[in-house]
C-alpha atoms as a PDB file:
ATOM      1  CA  MET A   1     -36.600  26.238   9.828  1.00  0.00           C
ATOM      2  CA  TYR A   2     -37.119  23.767   7.013  1.00  0.00           C
ATOM      3  CA  TYR A   3     -38.052  20.278   8.126  1.00  0.00           C
ATOM      4  CA  ASN A   4     -38.409  18.749   4.675  1.00  0.00           C
ATOM      5  CA  GLN A   5     -34.779  19.080   3.603  1.00  0.00           C
ATOM      6  CA  VAL A   6     -33.254  15.940   2.141  1.00  0.00           C
ATOM      7  CA  PRO A   7     -29.698  15.261   3.306  1.00  0.00           C
ATOM      8  CA  THR A   8     -27.073  15.279   0.594  1.00  0.00           C
ATOM      9  CA  LEU A   9     -25.156  12.013   0.355  1.00  0.00           C
ATOM     10  CA  THR A  10     -21.621  12.086  -0.922  1.00  0.00           C
ATOM     11  CA  HIS A  11     -19.374   9.228  -1.911  1.00  0.00           C
ATOM     12  CA  TRP A  12     -16.409   8.977   0.451  1.00  0.00           C
ATOM     13  CA  ARG A  13     -13.089   8.090  -1.078  1.00  0.00           C
ATOM     14  CA  GLN A  14      -9.763   7.589   0.655  1.00  0.00           C
ATOM     15  CA  PRO A  15      -7.493  10.562  -0.107  1.00  0.00           C
ATOM     16  CA  ALA A  16      -4.727   9.990  -2.644  1.00  0.00           C
ATOM     17  CA  TYR A  17      -1.239   9.608  -1.214  1.00  0.00           C
ATOM     18  CA  ASP A  18       2.112   9.720  -2.965  1.00  0.00           C
ATOM     19  CA  LEU A  19       3.738   6.498  -1.808  1.00  0.00           C
ATOM     20  CA  THR A  20       7.110   7.204  -3.478  1.00  0.00           C
ATOM     21  CA  GLY A  21       9.950   6.796  -1.004  1.00  0.00           C
ATOM     22  CA  THR A  22      11.913   4.390   1.133  1.00  0.00           C
ATOM     23  CA  TRP A  23       9.968   2.321   3.655  1.00  0.00           C
ATOM     24  CA  GLN A  24      11.121   0.129   6.577  1.00  0.00           C
ATOM     25  CA  GLY A  25       9.091  -3.047   7.075  1.00  0.00           C
ATOM     26  CA  ASP A  26       8.466  -4.690  10.425  1.00  0.00           C
ATOM     27  CA  ASP A  27       9.977  -7.800   8.808  1.00  0.00           C
ATOM     28  CA  GLY A  28      13.445  -6.169   8.741  1.00  0.00           C
ATOM     29  CA  GLY A  29      13.213  -5.338   5.039  1.00  0.00           C
ATOM     30  CA  ILE A  30      13.683  -2.072   3.196  1.00  0.00           C
ATOM     31  CA  TYR A  31      11.169  -1.274   0.447  1.00  0.00           C
ATOM     32  CA  TYR A  32      11.844   1.234  -2.330  1.00  0.00           C
ATOM     33  CA  ILE A  33       8.539   2.412  -3.791  1.00  0.00           C
ATOM     34  CA  ARG A  34       7.887   4.466  -6.926  1.00  0.00           C
ATOM     35  CA  HIS A  35       4.287   5.675  -7.294  1.00  0.00           C
ATOM     36  CA  LEU A  36       3.584   6.986 -10.802  1.00  0.00           C
ATOM     37  CA  ASN A  37       0.971   9.590 -11.800  1.00  0.00           C
ATOM     38  CA  ASN A  38      -1.292   6.958 -13.394  1.00  0.00           C
ATOM     39  CA  ASN A  39      -1.483   5.105 -10.022  1.00  0.00           C
ATOM     40  CA  ARG A  40       0.888   2.388 -11.197  1.00  0.00           C
ATOM     41  CA  ILE A  41       3.313   1.327  -8.504  1.00  0.00           C
ATOM     42  CA  TRP A  42       6.698  -0.371  -8.592  1.00  0.00           C
ATOM     43  CA  TRP A  43       8.629  -1.557  -5.599  1.00  0.00           C
ATOM     44  CA  THR A  44      11.698  -3.543  -4.689  1.00  0.00           C
ATOM     45  CA  GLY A  45      11.931  -5.099  -1.236  1.00  0.00           C
ATOM     46  CA  LEU A  46      15.254  -6.276   0.197  1.00  0.00           C
ATOM     47  CA  SER A  47      15.675  -8.343   3.374  1.00  0.00           C
ATOM     48  CA  ASP A  48      18.151  -7.749   6.196  1.00  0.00           C
ATOM     49  CA  ASN A  49      17.767  -3.974   6.362  1.00  0.00           C
ATOM     50  CA  GLY A  50      18.333  -3.614   2.633  1.00  0.00           C
ATOM     51  CA  SER A  51      21.113  -6.155   1.928  1.00  0.00           C
ATOM     52  CA  GLY A  52      18.792  -8.670   0.235  1.00  0.00           C
ATOM     53  CA  HIS A  53      20.766 -11.686   1.528  1.00  0.00           C
ATOM     54  CA  ASN A  54      17.669 -13.746   2.455  1.00  0.00           C
ATOM     55  CA  TRP A  55      15.030 -12.484   0.037  1.00  0.00           C
ATOM     56  CA  THR A  56      14.276  -9.870  -2.571  1.00  0.00           C
ATOM     57  CA  ASN A  57      10.881  -9.114  -4.049  1.00  0.00           C
ATOM     58  CA  VAL A  58       9.691  -6.952  -6.902  1.00  0.00           C
ATOM     59  CA  LEU A  59       6.122  -5.757  -7.228  1.00  0.00           C
ATOM     60  CA  GLU A  60       4.391  -4.026 -10.099  1.00  0.00           C
ATOM     61  CA  GLY A  61       0.761  -3.165  -9.620  1.00  0.00           C
ATOM     62  CA  GLU A  62      -1.926  -0.536  -9.341  1.00  0.00           C
ATOM     63  CA  VAL A  63      -2.912   1.591  -6.378  1.00  0.00           C
ATOM     64  CA  THR A  64      -6.672   1.458  -5.895  1.00  0.00           C
ATOM     65  CA  TYR A  65      -8.893   2.855  -3.190  1.00  0.00           C
ATOM     66  CA  ASP A  66     -11.161  -0.176  -3.180  1.00  0.00           C
ATOM     67  CA  PRO A  67     -10.565  -2.455  -0.163  1.00  0.00           C
ATOM     68  CA  THR A  68     -11.302  -5.562  -2.219  1.00  0.00           C
ATOM     69  CA  GLY A  69      -8.055  -5.294  -4.186  1.00  0.00           C
ATOM     70  CA  ALA A  70      -7.353  -6.766  -7.601  1.00  0.00           C
ATOM     71  CA  VAL A  71      -6.009 -10.112  -8.720  1.00  0.00           C
ATOM     72  CA  GLU A  72      -2.498 -10.119 -10.172  1.00  0.00           C
ATOM     73  CA  VAL A  73      -0.326 -12.953 -11.464  1.00  0.00           C
ATOM     74  CA  SER A  74       1.026 -14.027  -8.081  1.00  0.00           C
ATOM     75  CA  GLY A  75      -1.825 -13.073  -5.797  1.00  0.00           C
ATOM     76  CA  ILE A  76      -3.376 -10.224  -3.895  1.00  0.00           C
ATOM     77  CA  LEU A  77      -1.598  -7.931  -1.468  1.00  0.00           C
ATOM     78  CA  GLY A  78      -3.576  -5.139   0.151  1.00  0.00           C
ATOM     79  CA  PHE A  79      -2.407  -2.187   2.258  1.00  0.00           C
ATOM     80  CA  SER A  80      -4.223   0.712   3.860  1.00  0.00           C
ATOM     81  CA  VAL A  81      -2.660   4.074   4.731  1.00  0.00           C
ATOM     82  CA  ARG A  82      -3.051   4.598   8.474  1.00  0.00           C
ATOM     83  CA  LEU A  83      -1.397   7.529  10.227  1.00  0.00           C
ATOM     84  CA  GLY A  84       1.210   7.694   7.476  1.00  0.00           C
ATOM     85  CA  ASP A  85       2.093   3.987   7.637  1.00  0.00           C
ATOM     86  CA  LEU A  86       1.169   1.256   5.164  1.00  0.00           C
ATOM     87  CA  VAL A  87      -0.680  -1.435   7.118  1.00  0.00           C
ATOM     88  CA  LYS A  88      -1.280  -4.816   5.466  1.00  0.00           C
ATOM     89  CA  THR A  89      -4.983  -5.565   5.200  1.00  0.00           C
ATOM     90  CA  TYR A  90      -4.942  -8.691   3.046  1.00  0.00           C
ATOM     91  CA  GLN A  91      -2.625 -11.215   1.442  1.00  0.00           C
ATOM     92  CA  SER A  92      -3.329 -14.295  -0.628  1.00  0.00           C
ATOM     93  CA  SER A  93       0.174 -15.717  -0.314  1.00  0.00           C
ATOM     94  CA  GLY A  94       3.159 -15.349   1.983  1.00  0.00           C
ATOM     95  CA  PHE A  95       4.321 -11.790   2.577  1.00  0.00           C
ATOM     96  CA  GLY A  96       6.149 -11.147   5.851  1.00  0.00           C
ATOM     97  CA  ALA A  97       5.678  -7.457   6.594  1.00  0.00           C
ATOM     98  CA  ASN A  98       2.544  -6.226   8.343  1.00  0.00           C
ATOM     99  CA  ILE A  99       3.537  -2.552   8.568  1.00  0.00           C
ATOM    100  CA  LEU A 100       5.713  -0.385   6.335  1.00  0.00           C
ATOM    101  CA  ARG A 101       6.917   2.904   7.839  1.00  0.00           C
ATOM    102  CA  LYS A 102       8.232   5.646   5.529  1.00  0.00           C
ATOM    103  CA  ILE A 103      11.824   6.565   6.353  1.00  0.00           C
ATOM    104  CA  SER A 104      12.614   8.937   3.459  1.00  0.00           C
END
């Protein structure tokens, strides 16, 4: 037995996920997400189960694995992947959905 071994420390990083698909928000909205190879992300969110009668939003941003997020023109919106769902972790302005569940 060797008692003088130094433990090896490794940097943990959240695994990369392909977020492309259609997501149902717990706010009644449908979100269409396109996740590009360079970790750029585009999405369109439509209220009322996809009709867009009450609101529509468009997001362009970058997927990062840093929980602090990054400042964009209209604020910060952070999500974490948990058991296949996107769970909101931070917002700097009004965004209704707390959970997005992939439906296709």
